[in-house]
Amino acid sequence: MSLPEILALVAIGGVAGFINVLSSGGSMLTLPLLMFLGLPAQIANGTNRVAITLQSITAVGSFFRAGHHNLAVSIRLSIPAVAGALLGAWTATWIPRQIFEGVLIAAMIGASIFMLLPQPKLDTRPLTPERLGIPEYLALFLIGLYGGFIQVGVGALFVVVLYRMLKIDLPQVNVIKVFIILIYTLPALAIFALNDQVFWGMGLVLALGNMAGAIVAVRVNMGVRGALWIKWLTLVMVAIILVRLIW
């Protein structure tokens, strides 16, 4: 890696880590970056999980130290997510490159459209294990399946399930989200590593930026209004990346 590549990985990683904790869409920046730096699509997909794992460890540890966690619910929701992630990651290791790149572009466009939709104002309430049922566990399995496969925009799916379906406030959504992502990313990363689809050098450099961004994000964990500028910043950057990917 050259010095400009290292600086790009750290800088974009920092932005992505901040976005991933507070909203969604960080992988819409980091995954194409890894591809632009010369990694094949599948290896970029696996390498991105190094940064996601270390970023999530940083965010979860910071949230726990600050007293923000819902461990009982998070563990229950992580179980179906892990099952889905194992299947998704395994599928991603053998799917043809052209199909994967097409899915990436479609996922980025879909996630961008979702980010443009207004968030409804809901009467939120605490999430307890008693409120979880088959629909919620099935939804988390599907999120894990998607996250294990590509990860791009997965935070938007958590907003659908945790905020819209279960009606918990957005700061608590962020806390539960990063815990579940950590738990399902560990086995997904192992699958990519076992299939030689992880470039550890780039992954660890990218992780430095992600971890720094995650630390800052935990300190300013915010709701809908505070995250609005993050959404527009992400969308502008994603639009530029989409033009580059398509053309």
Protein backbone atom coordinates (compact mmCIF):
# COMPACT_ATOMS: atom_id res chain seq x y z
CA MET A 1 0.00 0.00 0.00
CA SER A 2 1.18 3.50 -0.84
CA LEU A 3 0.88 6.42 1.56
CA PRO A 4 -2.09 7.95 -0.34
CA GLU A 5 -3.88 4.57 -0.17
CA ILE A 6 -3.26 4.33 3.57
CA LEU A 7 -4.54 7.87 4.12
CA ALA A 8 -7.63 7.18 2.01
CA LEU A 9 -8.40 4.00 3.96
CA VAL A 10 -8.07 5.75 7.32
CA ALA A 11 -10.04 8.83 6.25
CA ILE A 12 -12.94 6.98 4.59
CA GLY A 13 -12.85 4.40 7.39
CA GLY A 14 -13.31 7.17 9.94
CA VAL A 15 -16.33 8.56 8.13
CA ALA A 16 -17.77 5.07 7.67
CA GLY A 17 -17.31 4.11 11.32
CA PHE A 18 -19.09 7.28 12.43
CA ILE A 19 -21.96 6.68 9.99
CA ASN A 20 -22.30 2.98 10.81
CA VAL A 21 -22.84 3.59 14.53
CA LEU A 22 -25.25 6.51 14.22
CA SER A 23 -27.10 5.59 11.06
CA SER A 24 -26.33 3.25 8.17
CA GLY A 25 -24.36 3.25 4.96
CA GLY A 26 -20.71 3.14 5.98
CA SER A 27 -20.05 0.05 3.89
CA MET A 28 -21.43 1.92 0.87
CA LEU A 29 -18.20 3.92 1.14
CA THR A 30 -15.63 1.35 2.29
CA LEU A 31 -16.53 -1.60 0.07
CA PRO A 32 -16.25 0.35 -3.22
CA LEU A 33 -13.07 2.01 -1.90
CA LEU A 34 -11.42 -1.38 -1.43
CA MET A 35 -12.48 -2.33 -4.96
CA PHE A 36 -11.12 0.96 -6.36
CA LEU A 37 -7.80 0.16 -4.66
CA GLY A 38 -7.55 -3.05 -6.67
CA LEU A 39 -9.16 -5.79 -4.59
CA PRO A 40 -11.51 -8.21 -6.38
CA ALA A 41 -15.13 -7.81 -5.29
CA GLN A 42 -15.28 -10.92 -3.09
CA ILE A 43 -11.97 -10.16 -1.38
CA ALA A 44 -13.06 -6.56 -0.81
CA ASN A 45 -16.28 -7.92 0.72
CA GLY A 46 -14.35 -10.16 3.09
CA THR A 47 -11.72 -7.52 3.90
CA ASN A 48 -14.43 -5.02 4.83
CA ARG A 49 -15.49 -7.36 7.65
CA VAL A 50 -12.17 -6.82 9.45
CA ALA A 51 -13.00 -3.14 9.84
CA ILE A 52 -16.65 -3.87 10.72
CA THR A 53 -15.58 -6.32 13.44
CA LEU A 54 -13.08 -4.01 15.13
CA GLN A 55 -15.38 -1.00 14.75
CA SER A 56 -18.20 -2.95 16.40
CA ILE A 57 -15.97 -4.11 19.26
CA THR A 58 -15.01 -0.49 19.86
CA ALA A 59 -18.59 0.78 19.75
CA VAL A 60 -20.02 -2.02 21.93
CA GLY A 61 -17.28 -1.52 24.54
CA SER A 62 -17.86 2.22 24.59
CA PHE A 63 -21.63 1.83 24.91
CA PHE A 64 -21.24 -0.67 27.76
CA ARG A 65 -18.84 1.58 29.64
CA ALA A 66 -21.34 4.40 29.29
CA GLY A 67 -24.09 2.18 30.69
CA HIS A 68 -26.01 1.89 27.41
CA HIS A 69 -26.95 -1.70 26.63
CA ASN A 70 -29.85 -4.14 26.52
CA LEU A 71 -27.96 -7.39 26.80
CA ALA A 72 -30.87 -9.83 27.22
CA VAL A 73 -32.67 -8.62 24.10
CA SER A 74 -29.49 -8.19 22.06
CA ILE A 75 -28.36 -11.78 22.68
CA ARG A 76 -31.77 -13.19 21.76
CA LEU A 77 -31.85 -11.23 18.51
CA SER A 78 -28.25 -12.19 17.69
CA ILE A 79 -29.00 -15.92 17.51
CA PRO A 80 -31.13 -15.87 14.33
CA ALA A 81 -28.88 -13.16 12.88
CA VAL A 82 -25.83 -15.43 13.24
CA ALA A 83 -27.66 -18.29 11.51
CA GLY A 84 -28.52 -16.01 8.60
CA ALA A 85 -25.02 -14.52 8.41
CA LEU A 86 -23.40 -17.94 8.11
CA LEU A 87 -25.56 -18.72 5.08
CA GLY A 88 -25.09 -15.27 3.58
CA ALA A 89 -21.30 -15.25 3.95
CA TRP A 90 -20.98 -18.74 2.52
CA THR A 91 -23.03 -17.69 -0.51
CA ALA A 92 -20.88 -14.59 -1.01
CA THR A 93 -17.68 -16.67 -1.21
CA TRP A 94 -18.66 -18.48 -4.40
CA ILE A 95 -21.06 -16.15 -6.25
CA PRO A 96 -19.63 -14.90 -9.61
CA ARG A 97 -17.97 -11.48 -9.53
CA GLN A 98 -20.32 -9.94 -12.10
CA ILE A 99 -23.38 -10.94 -10.10
CA PHE A 100 -21.86 -9.68 -6.86
CA GLU A 101 -21.04 -6.29 -8.38
CA GLY A 102 -24.58 -6.04 -9.75
CA VAL A 103 -25.99 -6.83 -6.31
CA LEU A 104 -23.67 -4.21 -4.78
CA ILE A 105 -24.92 -1.49 -7.13
CA ALA A 106 -28.55 -2.49 -6.55
CA ALA A 107 -28.00 -2.56 -2.77
CA MET A 108 -26.42 0.90 -2.79
CA ILE A 109 -29.26 2.35 -4.83
CA GLY A 110 -31.88 0.65 -2.64
CA ALA A 111 -30.24 1.81 0.58
CA SER A 112 -29.96 5.36 -0.77
CA ILE A 113 -33.66 5.43 -1.64
CA PHE A 114 -34.53 4.17 1.83
CA MET A 115 -32.40 6.89 3.41
CA LEU A 116 -34.40 9.50 1.49
CA LEU A 117 -37.68 8.31 2.97
CA PRO A 118 -38.86 10.37 5.97
CA GLN A 119 -38.74 8.64 9.34
CA PRO A 120 -42.18 8.56 10.99
CA LYS A 121 -42.46 9.97 14.49
CA LEU A 122 -43.46 7.06 16.71
CA ASP A 123 -44.33 6.67 20.36
CA THR A 124 -41.37 4.57 21.46
CA ARG A 125 -41.05 2.32 24.51
CA PRO A 126 -38.38 0.07 26.07
CA LEU A 127 -37.70 -3.26 24.41
CA THR A 128 -38.05 -6.32 26.64
CA PRO A 129 -37.65 -10.04 25.79
CA GLU A 130 -41.40 -10.55 26.23
CA ARG A 131 -42.09 -8.36 23.19
CA LEU A 132 -40.12 -10.61 20.85
CA GLY A 133 -41.90 -13.19 18.72
CA ILE A 134 -41.56 -15.22 15.54
CA PRO A 135 -41.85 -12.20 13.17
CA GLU A 136 -38.98 -10.42 14.94
CA TYR A 137 -36.74 -13.50 14.99
CA LEU A 138 -37.46 -14.17 11.30
CA ALA A 139 -36.67 -10.55 10.46
CA LEU A 140 -33.32 -10.80 12.28
CA PHE A 141 -32.50 -14.01 10.41
CA LEU A 142 -33.06 -12.17 7.11
CA ILE A 143 -30.98 -9.21 8.28
CA GLY A 144 -28.18 -11.59 9.20
CA LEU A 145 -28.49 -13.29 5.82
CA TYR A 146 -28.15 -9.97 4.02
CA GLY A 147 -25.43 -8.68 6.35
CA GLY A 148 -23.39 -11.85 6.00
CA PHE A 149 -23.65 -11.57 2.24
CA ILE A 150 -22.85 -7.91 1.62
CA GLN A 151 -23.44 -5.68 4.73
CA VAL A 152 -24.16 -2.56 2.62
CA GLY A 153 -26.96 -0.51 4.18
CA VAL A 154 -27.79 -3.14 6.78
CA GLY A 155 -28.40 -0.41 9.37
CA ALA A 156 -31.49 0.64 7.41
CA LEU A 157 -32.95 -2.83 7.96
CA PHE A 158 -32.36 -2.52 11.69
CA VAL A 159 -34.30 0.74 11.65
CA VAL A 160 -37.22 -1.06 9.99
CA VAL A 161 -37.29 -3.86 12.57
CA LEU A 162 -36.24 -2.09 15.77
CA TYR A 163 -37.69 1.37 15.24
CA ARG A 164 -40.69 0.85 12.98
CA MET A 165 -41.77 -2.64 14.09
CA LEU A 166 -40.74 -2.69 17.74
CA LYS A 167 -40.91 1.08 18.30
CA ILE A 168 -37.78 1.64 20.34
CA ASP A 169 -36.02 5.02 20.17
CA LEU A 170 -33.20 5.57 17.68
CA PRO A 171 -30.35 5.93 20.20
CA GLN A 172 -31.30 2.52 21.64
CA VAL A 173 -31.59 1.14 18.09
CA ASN A 174 -27.96 2.12 17.56
CA VAL A 175 -26.87 0.34 20.76
CA ILE A 176 -28.64 -2.94 19.92
CA LYS A 177 -27.64 -2.72 16.26
CA VAL A 178 -23.89 -2.56 16.85
CA PHE A 179 -24.03 -5.47 19.30
CA ILE A 180 -25.90 -7.73 16.87
CA ILE A 181 -23.61 -6.74 13.98
CA LEU A 182 -20.58 -7.64 16.09
CA ILE A 183 -21.95 -11.07 16.98
CA TYR A 184 -22.88 -12.05 13.43
CA THR A 185 -19.81 -10.51 11.78
CA LEU A 186 -17.38 -12.70 13.71
CA PRO A 187 -18.48 -16.01 12.10
CA ALA A 188 -18.97 -14.27 8.74
CA LEU A 189 -15.37 -13.00 8.86
CA ALA A 190 -14.18 -16.52 9.72
CA ILE A 191 -15.90 -17.91 6.61
CA PHE A 192 -14.28 -15.29 4.36
CA ALA A 193 -10.88 -15.90 5.98
CA LEU A 194 -11.14 -19.67 5.55
CA ASN A 195 -11.83 -19.10 1.85
CA ASP A 196 -8.77 -16.79 1.50
CA GLN A 197 -10.98 -13.78 0.79
CA VAL A 198 -9.51 -11.37 3.35
CA PHE A 199 -6.64 -8.93 2.67
CA TRP A 200 -5.60 -8.40 6.28
CA GLY A 201 -3.27 -5.46 5.67
CA MET A 202 -5.90 -3.24 4.07
CA GLY A 203 -8.55 -4.50 6.47
CA LEU A 204 -6.55 -3.50 9.55
CA VAL A 205 -5.65 -0.07 8.17
CA LEU A 206 -9.30 0.54 7.28
CA ALA A 207 -10.24 -0.62 10.78
CA LEU A 208 -8.11 2.12 12.34
CA GLY A 209 -10.35 4.70 10.73
CA ASN A 210 -13.55 2.79 11.51
CA MET A 211 -12.64 2.47 15.18
CA ALA A 212 -11.84 6.17 15.50
CA GLY A 213 -15.14 7.07 13.84
CA ALA A 214 -17.02 4.68 16.12
CA ILE A 215 -15.51 6.23 19.26
CA VAL A 216 -16.62 9.70 18.17
CA ALA A 217 -20.09 8.42 17.22
CA VAL A 218 -20.69 6.81 20.63
CA ARG A 219 -19.96 10.14 22.30
CA VAL A 220 -22.59 11.91 20.21
CA ASN A 221 -25.21 9.12 19.87
CA MET A 222 -28.20 11.04 18.52
CA GLY A 223 -31.75 10.79 17.24
CA VAL A 224 -33.45 11.69 13.98
CA ARG A 225 -32.65 15.41 13.80
CA GLY A 226 -29.01 15.05 14.72
CA ALA A 227 -28.49 12.29 12.14
CA LEU A 228 -30.06 14.27 9.28
CA TRP A 229 -26.80 15.87 8.11
CA ILE A 230 -25.08 12.48 8.26
CA LYS A 231 -27.67 11.09 5.87
CA TRP A 232 -27.13 13.80 3.27
CA LEU A 233 -23.35 13.62 3.52
CA THR A 234 -23.55 9.87 2.94
CA LEU A 235 -25.91 10.21 -0.01
CA VAL A 236 -23.66 12.72 -1.78
CA MET A 237 -20.65 10.43 -1.37
CA VAL A 238 -22.62 7.37 -2.46
CA ALA A 239 -23.85 9.16 -5.61
CA ILE A 240 -20.25 9.85 -6.62
CA ILE A 241 -19.27 6.23 -5.96
CA LEU A 242 -22.25 4.87 -7.92
CA VAL A 243 -21.25 6.90 -10.99
CA ARG A 244 -17.76 5.44 -10.74
CA LEU A 245 -19.02 1.86 -10.26
CA ILE A 246 -21.50 1.99 -13.13
CA TRP A 247 -19.27 3.73 -15.66
